[in-house]
Structures are given as structure tokens and as C-alpha cells.
């Protein structure tokens, strides 16, 4: 009887030992890095981002100080919020467990080196730190993703349209906003800020609501991208519908609003290119009542 109990206790101890080996926390810790290895790059290290697509389009973004610039668009500023959101998704997201590993799965999920919807290259000092291949997943705000040199394929929270392969799509839509205007001159009115009050150079009393509409339009101005390359020359030869000379805390700027083929555009003296402008923003600036804003009429 004692011998049987001893044997049972021995078997129990062996089972406990096996369980300890299999489920010991250290094993999970050893596995955990493989769950987080999609892009083993710190966001702060990245100073260049290249986004390509299956049609050989490519957008290039380069960090300069605190800003991201677009070399393909005369170093125009990129949308900082959009860039940071994309980098956080790539570098800080924990993808969980892989959904596949095989070479066949790379082609099936379109994340192979030669077959993908997006290719994201992360660089620092001209050296590639990592490359990711992405393809839209059936899930909401999900993409299939694989890191170059690895077999594991993950499903992560991201949209392919959040990382477009066109420089124009990364443009900062707020780059022409005038946050603190001090003087606004047009052909039909001249306004200046005096001790917190807007006054007219003609001596009239500006309509407060009309002035606020004008100032709000300048502060919230957004561009819809860069005008097509074949339109840039035509726009340079087109007479402006409205010219605004604006003095602000940031400096002096001349804004020209134009219409060509029923489309609206804007040019700033700060940049060489012409930008697309929505009908709403165009109307807000060109629709100002010159008589009311200058105080000539009530």
C-alpha cells in the first residue's frame, strides 16, 4: 500500500514539473518579443519615411527639426498630425499573435516583397531601419502586415488610405492659414488692428460681423492639395479674382485667389506652387462685402 502511494506521489511530482516547465512565466516573456516585432524601431529614430504602392508611386517624407517636409513638392510641409498618427500605428502598436507564417500566405495576403498594396520604408540618416508590407484586411480599420526579413504576418489597426503613396496626400492643409492678422489690404478695403479693434483706413467704422467673417476665413483657410503640374503655368498667367495683402505676427503674405475652368485655386507669396481651394473657402474670402467691411455702407 505504501509503495503504491509512493509511486502515485512520484507521478504527481513529475506532472507538476512538466506543468511548471510548460507554463512557467519566463516562457511567455521569451515569446512576447515575437508579438511586438512588427517594427522594432523607435519613432524618434525615424527621420525619413518612404511609402510606395503596387503602381510604383512613392511619397517621400523627411523630418527637418520638428517638421516633416515633402521633397517631391518643393519641401512643402506635411500634415504633422497625419504623419505622427501613421508612425505611432507602425512603431507603437502591439500586433498580437501572427495569423500566418508561410511563403504562400505572403502572396495570399499580398504582403510579399514583390506583391503588396503599400511598402513603408523607415530610414534614419539615409539607412533603412525597417520595411513593412501592407494590404487591406477584411476587418474594419485593419490591414495585413509583414516586416521584411520575417515570416510572421499580422493583422493590425490601420487603413491603407492613412498611408497614401502620393506626396500631395500628405500636404499640410493648414499651411496657408493666417492665425494673427494685423492688417488686411484689398483693392476695395483696407483694415488694420488698433488696440484690439479693427479700423478702416478710410475712416469708416467696419461692420464687426463682416470683419469677423473675413478674419475667421483667414484663420481657418485650408488647401485641398497642389494644382496639377500642367496647370501651374496656366495659373501663373491667369489674373487673380482677389488679392489680399496680409500683415501678421508671422510676417507679410500676399494671397491671390484665382478661378480656372470652374475650379478654384490660391497662391501665397510664401510658396512657389499654386494650391487647390474649395468653393467654400473661395466664397468666404471673395464674398466679403467691401462696403460693410470698410464701413462705407451699413
Protein backbone atom coordinates (compact mmCIF):
# COMPACT_ATOMS: atom_id res chain seq x y z
CA UNK A 1 0.00 0.00 0.00
CA UNK A 2 2.80 2.41 0.96
CA UNK A 3 4.64 1.53 -2.24
CA UNK A 4 1.57 2.40 -4.32
CA UNK A 5 1.20 5.76 -2.55
CA UNK A 6 4.89 6.50 -3.15
CA UNK A 7 4.53 5.74 -6.86
CA UNK A 8 1.45 7.99 -7.12
CA UNK A 9 3.26 10.82 -5.34
CA UNK A 10 6.20 10.42 -7.69
CA UNK A 11 3.90 10.58 -10.72
CA UNK A 12 2.24 13.70 -9.26
CA UNK A 13 5.60 15.39 -8.79
CA UNK A 14 6.59 14.58 -12.38
CA UNK A 15 3.32 16.05 -13.68
CA UNK A 16 3.84 19.20 -11.61
CA UNK A 17 7.35 19.55 -13.02
CA UNK A 18 6.10 19.25 -16.60
CA UNK A 19 3.38 21.81 -15.95
CA UNK A 20 5.93 24.20 -14.44
CA UNK A 21 8.18 23.91 -17.47
CA UNK A 22 5.32 24.45 -19.94
CA UNK A 23 3.55 27.29 -18.14
CA UNK A 24 6.46 28.99 -16.40
CA UNK A 25 6.13 32.82 -16.82
CA UNK A 26 9.59 33.07 -18.30
CA UNK A 27 8.39 31.16 -21.35
CA UNK A 28 5.72 33.77 -22.03
CA UNK A 29 8.29 36.50 -21.62
CA UNK A 30 10.51 34.76 -24.15
CA UNK A 31 7.63 34.59 -26.61
CA UNK A 32 6.44 38.15 -26.04
CA UNK A 33 9.08 39.91 -28.16
CA UNK A 34 7.91 37.97 -31.24
CA UNK A 35 4.47 39.52 -30.70
CA UNK A 36 5.94 43.03 -30.79
CA UNK A 37 8.50 42.67 -33.56
CA UNK A 38 6.48 44.11 -36.45
CA UNK A 39 8.59 47.29 -36.47
CA UNK A 40 11.32 47.17 -33.86
CA UNK A 41 12.17 50.84 -34.42
CA UNK A 42 11.65 53.75 -32.05
CA UNK A 43 9.54 56.52 -33.57
CA UNK A 44 12.14 59.12 -32.57
CA UNK A 45 14.80 57.35 -34.65
CA UNK A 46 12.94 57.77 -37.93
CA UNK A 47 13.84 60.86 -39.97
CA UNK A 48 12.63 59.67 -43.37
CA UNK A 49 9.55 57.78 -44.49
CA UNK A 50 9.04 56.31 -47.96
CA UNK A 51 5.62 54.99 -48.96
CA UNK A 52 5.23 53.05 -52.19
CA UNK A 53 2.24 51.26 -53.72
CA UNK A 54 1.63 48.48 -56.23
CA UNK A 55 1.62 51.00 -59.11
CA UNK A 56 5.18 52.20 -58.36
CA UNK A 57 4.01 55.53 -56.94
CA UNK A 58 6.05 56.78 -54.00
CA UNK A 59 5.72 59.53 -51.41
CA UNK A 60 8.83 60.65 -49.54
CA UNK A 61 8.68 62.49 -46.21
CA UNK A 62 11.78 63.88 -44.49
CA UNK A 63 11.96 65.22 -40.96
CA UNK A 64 13.60 68.61 -40.51
CA UNK A 65 13.72 69.68 -36.87
CA UNK A 66 10.17 69.44 -35.59
CA UNK A 67 8.60 69.42 -39.06
CA UNK A 68 8.09 66.86 -41.80
CA UNK A 69 8.74 68.06 -45.35
CA UNK A 70 7.85 66.77 -48.83
CA UNK A 71 10.94 66.86 -51.12
CA UNK A 72 8.78 65.90 -54.09
CA UNK A 73 6.73 69.10 -53.60
CA UNK A 74 9.43 71.75 -53.17
CA UNK A 75 9.82 70.78 -49.49
CA UNK A 76 6.31 71.88 -48.62
CA UNK A 77 5.28 70.95 -45.05
CA UNK A 78 3.50 67.65 -44.48
CA UNK A 79 0.49 67.33 -42.19
CA UNK A 80 2.17 66.75 -38.79
CA UNK A 81 -0.87 65.06 -37.24
CA UNK A 82 -1.21 62.62 -40.11
CA UNK A 83 2.49 61.73 -40.06
CA UNK A 84 2.61 61.21 -36.30
CA UNK A 85 -0.56 59.09 -36.35
CA UNK A 86 0.93 56.82 -39.02
CA UNK A 87 4.25 56.48 -37.18
CA UNK A 88 2.52 55.67 -33.89
CA UNK A 89 0.47 52.93 -35.56
CA UNK A 90 3.59 51.41 -37.08
CA UNK A 91 6.03 51.66 -34.18
CA UNK A 92 3.93 51.54 -31.00
CA UNK A 93 1.12 49.14 -31.81
CA UNK A 94 1.27 45.62 -30.39
CA UNK A 95 0.08 43.41 -33.26
CA UNK A 96 -0.75 40.34 -31.17
CA UNK A 97 -0.11 36.82 -32.44
CA UNK A 98 0.71 36.20 -36.14
CA UNK A 99 -2.14 34.98 -38.36
CA UNK A 100 0.19 33.15 -40.78
CA UNK A 101 3.84 32.36 -41.47
CA UNK A 102 4.17 30.53 -44.78
CA UNK A 103 5.57 31.90 -48.03
CA UNK A 104 2.28 31.04 -49.71
CA UNK A 105 0.43 33.18 -47.17
CA UNK A 106 2.58 36.19 -48.11
CA UNK A 107 1.20 36.09 -51.62
CA UNK A 108 -2.34 35.26 -50.50
CA UNK A 109 -2.38 38.21 -48.08
CA UNK A 110 -0.44 40.43 -50.54
CA UNK A 111 2.43 41.21 -48.19
CA UNK A 112 5.28 39.67 -50.19
CA UNK A 113 8.38 41.66 -51.14
CA UNK A 114 7.12 41.76 -54.73
CA UNK A 115 3.35 41.82 -54.15
CA UNK A 116 1.77 44.37 -51.81
CA UNK A 117 -0.57 47.35 -51.59
CA UNK A 118 1.78 49.51 -49.53
CA UNK A 119 5.50 49.37 -48.83
CA UNK A 120 6.69 51.50 -45.93
CA UNK A 121 10.42 52.07 -45.55
CA UNK A 122 11.64 53.61 -42.30
CA UNK A 123 15.01 55.36 -42.51
CA UNK A 124 17.45 57.20 -40.28
CA UNK A 125 20.45 59.08 -41.63
CA UNK A 126 19.89 57.53 -45.05
CA UNK A 127 19.98 53.98 -43.69
CA UNK A 128 16.93 51.73 -43.80
CA UNK A 129 15.85 50.68 -40.31
CA UNK A 130 12.94 48.54 -41.44
CA UNK A 131 10.44 47.92 -44.22
CA UNK A 132 6.79 46.93 -43.84
CA UNK A 133 4.43 45.48 -46.42
CA UNK A 134 0.71 46.21 -46.02
CA UNK A 135 -2.50 45.07 -47.60
CA UNK A 136 -6.11 45.91 -46.71
CA UNK A 137 -7.79 43.37 -44.43
CA UNK A 138 -11.50 42.49 -44.46
CA UNK A 139 -11.75 43.80 -40.89
CA UNK A 140 -12.74 47.39 -40.08
CA UNK A 141 -9.64 49.62 -39.94
CA UNK A 142 -7.41 46.58 -40.28
CA UNK A 143 -4.52 45.71 -42.57
CA UNK A 144 -2.41 42.63 -43.02
CA UNK A 145 1.22 43.49 -42.33
CA UNK A 146 4.61 41.85 -42.54
CA UNK A 147 8.06 43.13 -41.75
CA UNK A 148 10.76 42.50 -44.37
CA UNK A 149 13.01 39.62 -43.43
CA UNK A 150 10.35 37.98 -41.24
CA UNK A 151 7.82 35.26 -41.97
CA UNK A 152 5.13 36.33 -39.48
CA UNK A 153 2.06 38.06 -40.89
CA UNK A 154 -0.09 40.15 -38.57
CA UNK A 155 -3.41 41.96 -38.65
CA UNK A 156 -3.00 45.48 -37.25
CA UNK A 157 -5.21 48.54 -36.79
CA UNK A 158 -4.52 50.83 -39.74
CA UNK A 159 -6.02 51.81 -43.10
CA UNK A 160 -4.01 51.82 -46.31
CA UNK A 161 -5.52 55.23 -47.16
CA UNK A 162 -3.90 56.51 -43.93
CA UNK A 163 -0.52 55.93 -45.63
CA UNK A 164 -1.01 57.12 -49.23
CA UNK A 165 1.77 56.80 -51.81
CA UNK A 166 1.21 60.33 -53.17
CA UNK A 167 3.10 63.33 -51.77
CA UNK A 168 0.10 65.58 -52.41
CA UNK A 169 -2.00 63.50 -50.00
CA UNK A 170 0.43 64.25 -47.13
CA UNK A 171 0.35 68.02 -47.62
CA UNK A 172 -0.49 70.09 -44.55
CA UNK A 173 -3.92 71.57 -45.40
CA UNK A 174 -3.35 74.41 -42.89
CA UNK A 175 -0.12 75.75 -44.37
CA UNK A 176 -1.72 79.00 -45.65
CA UNK A 177 -3.67 79.85 -42.51
CA UNK A 178 -3.08 83.33 -41.07
CA UNK A 179 -3.55 82.92 -37.34
CA UNK A 180 -2.97 86.50 -36.12
CA UNK A 181 -3.67 89.07 -38.86
CA UNK A 182 -2.80 92.69 -38.02
CA UNK A 183 -3.61 94.37 -41.33
CA UNK A 184 -5.60 93.26 -44.39
CA UNK A 185 -5.44 95.17 -47.68
CA UNK A 186 -7.53 94.52 -50.78
CA UNK A 187 -8.44 96.66 -53.79
CA UNK A 188 -11.72 97.76 -52.18
CA UNK A 189 -10.88 97.85 -48.46
CA UNK A 190 -8.00 98.40 -46.06
CA UNK A 191 -8.24 97.24 -42.46
CA UNK A 192 -5.82 97.42 -39.56
CA UNK A 193 -5.93 96.29 -35.95
CA UNK A 194 -5.65 99.08 -33.40
CA UNK A 195 -5.64 98.24 -29.68
CA UNK A 196 -7.75 95.16 -30.30
CA UNK A 197 -10.24 96.92 -32.61
CA UNK A 198 -10.39 96.69 -36.38
CA UNK A 199 -10.42 100.06 -38.12
CA UNK A 200 -10.76 101.12 -41.74
CA UNK A 201 -8.06 103.20 -43.44
CA UNK A 202 -10.84 105.31 -44.99
CA UNK A 203 -12.05 106.38 -41.56
CA UNK A 204 -15.30 104.43 -41.65
CA UNK A 205 -16.49 102.08 -38.92
CA UNK A 206 -16.14 98.47 -40.12
CA UNK A 207 -19.06 96.12 -39.62
CA UNK A 208 -17.88 93.81 -36.81
CA UNK A 209 -19.65 90.73 -38.15
CA UNK A 210 -18.24 91.19 -41.65
CA UNK A 211 -14.71 91.71 -40.30
CA UNK A 212 -15.04 88.62 -38.11
CA UNK A 213 -16.13 86.61 -41.14
CA UNK A 214 -13.04 87.74 -43.05
CA UNK A 215 -10.64 87.10 -40.16
CA UNK A 216 -12.21 83.69 -39.45
CA UNK A 217 -11.82 82.74 -43.12
CA UNK A 218 -8.09 83.55 -43.00
CA UNK A 219 -7.57 81.69 -39.75
CA UNK A 220 -9.33 78.52 -40.91
CA UNK A 221 -8.17 78.53 -44.54
CA UNK A 222 -7.41 75.04 -45.87
CA UNK A 223 -5.94 73.92 -49.17
CA UNK A 224 -7.12 70.79 -50.96
CA UNK A 225 -3.77 69.86 -52.44
CA UNK A 226 -1.41 71.15 -55.11
CA UNK A 227 -2.68 72.14 -58.56
CA UNK A 228 -1.78 69.70 -61.33
CA UNK A 229 1.64 70.23 -62.87
CA UNK A 230 0.19 71.09 -66.28
CA UNK A 231 -1.98 73.80 -64.66
CA UNK A 232 0.81 75.59 -62.81
CA UNK A 233 1.93 77.60 -65.85
CA UNK A 234 -1.64 78.47 -66.88
CA UNK A 235 -2.39 79.68 -63.37
CA UNK A 236 0.72 81.85 -63.35
CA UNK A 237 -0.69 83.66 -66.40
CA UNK A 238 -4.23 83.95 -65.00
CA UNK A 239 -5.44 87.21 -63.50
CA UNK A 240 -6.40 86.89 -59.84
CA UNK A 241 -10.02 87.38 -58.78
CA UNK A 242 -8.87 88.76 -55.42
CA UNK A 243 -5.52 89.81 -54.00
CA UNK A 244 -5.13 90.08 -50.24
CA UNK A 245 -2.03 91.60 -48.66
CA UNK A 246 -1.94 90.42 -45.08
CA UNK A 247 0.37 91.53 -42.30
CA UNK A 248 0.51 89.23 -39.28
CA UNK A 249 2.70 88.33 -36.35
CA UNK A 250 4.34 85.73 -38.61
CA UNK A 251 5.19 88.28 -41.33
CA UNK A 252 3.75 89.68 -44.56
CA UNK A 253 1.93 87.49 -47.07
CA UNK A 254 0.22 88.10 -50.40
CA UNK A 255 -2.66 85.73 -51.19
CA UNK A 256 -4.06 85.51 -54.71
CA UNK A 257 -7.35 83.72 -55.37
CA UNK A 258 -8.00 82.51 -58.91
CA UNK A 259 -10.56 80.60 -60.94
CA UNK A 260 -9.65 78.43 -63.93
CA UNK A 261 -12.02 76.07 -65.74
CA UNK A 262 -14.58 76.43 -62.95
CA UNK A 263 -12.06 75.32 -60.33
CA UNK A 264 -10.66 77.49 -57.57
CA UNK A 265 -7.01 77.97 -56.65
CA UNK A 266 -4.88 80.05 -54.33
CA UNK A 267 -1.28 81.24 -54.39
CA UNK A 268 0.77 82.52 -51.48
CA UNK A 269 3.90 84.65 -51.75
CA UNK A 270 5.50 82.20 -49.28
CA UNK A 271 5.45 79.32 -51.77
CA UNK A 272 6.14 78.81 -55.47
CA UNK A 273 3.24 76.48 -56.24
CA UNK A 274 -0.49 77.10 -56.71
CA UNK A 275 -2.87 75.16 -54.46
CA UNK A 276 -6.38 73.84 -54.93
CA UNK A 277 -9.06 75.64 -52.94
CA UNK A 278 -12.57 74.51 -52.07
CA UNK A 279 -15.54 76.52 -53.33
CA UNK A 280 -16.49 77.15 -49.71
CA UNK A 281 -13.19 78.78 -48.76
CA UNK A 282 -13.09 80.69 -52.05
CA UNK A 283 -16.59 82.08 -51.46
CA UNK A 284 -15.82 83.01 -47.84
CA UNK A 285 -12.94 85.25 -48.95
CA UNK A 286 -14.27 86.64 -52.23
CA UNK A 287 -17.81 87.09 -50.89
CA UNK A 288 -16.85 89.73 -48.31
CA UNK A 289 -18.98 92.87 -48.66
CA UNK A 290 -16.38 95.58 -49.28
CA UNK A 291 -18.75 98.38 -48.31
CA UNK A 292 -19.66 96.86 -44.96
CA UNK A 293 -16.17 95.70 -44.07
CA UNK A 294 -14.72 99.15 -44.78
CA UNK A 295 -17.55 100.98 -43.04
CA UNK A 296 -18.69 102.73 -46.22
CA UNK A 297 -22.16 101.18 -46.05
CA UNK A 298 -24.20 99.70 -43.18
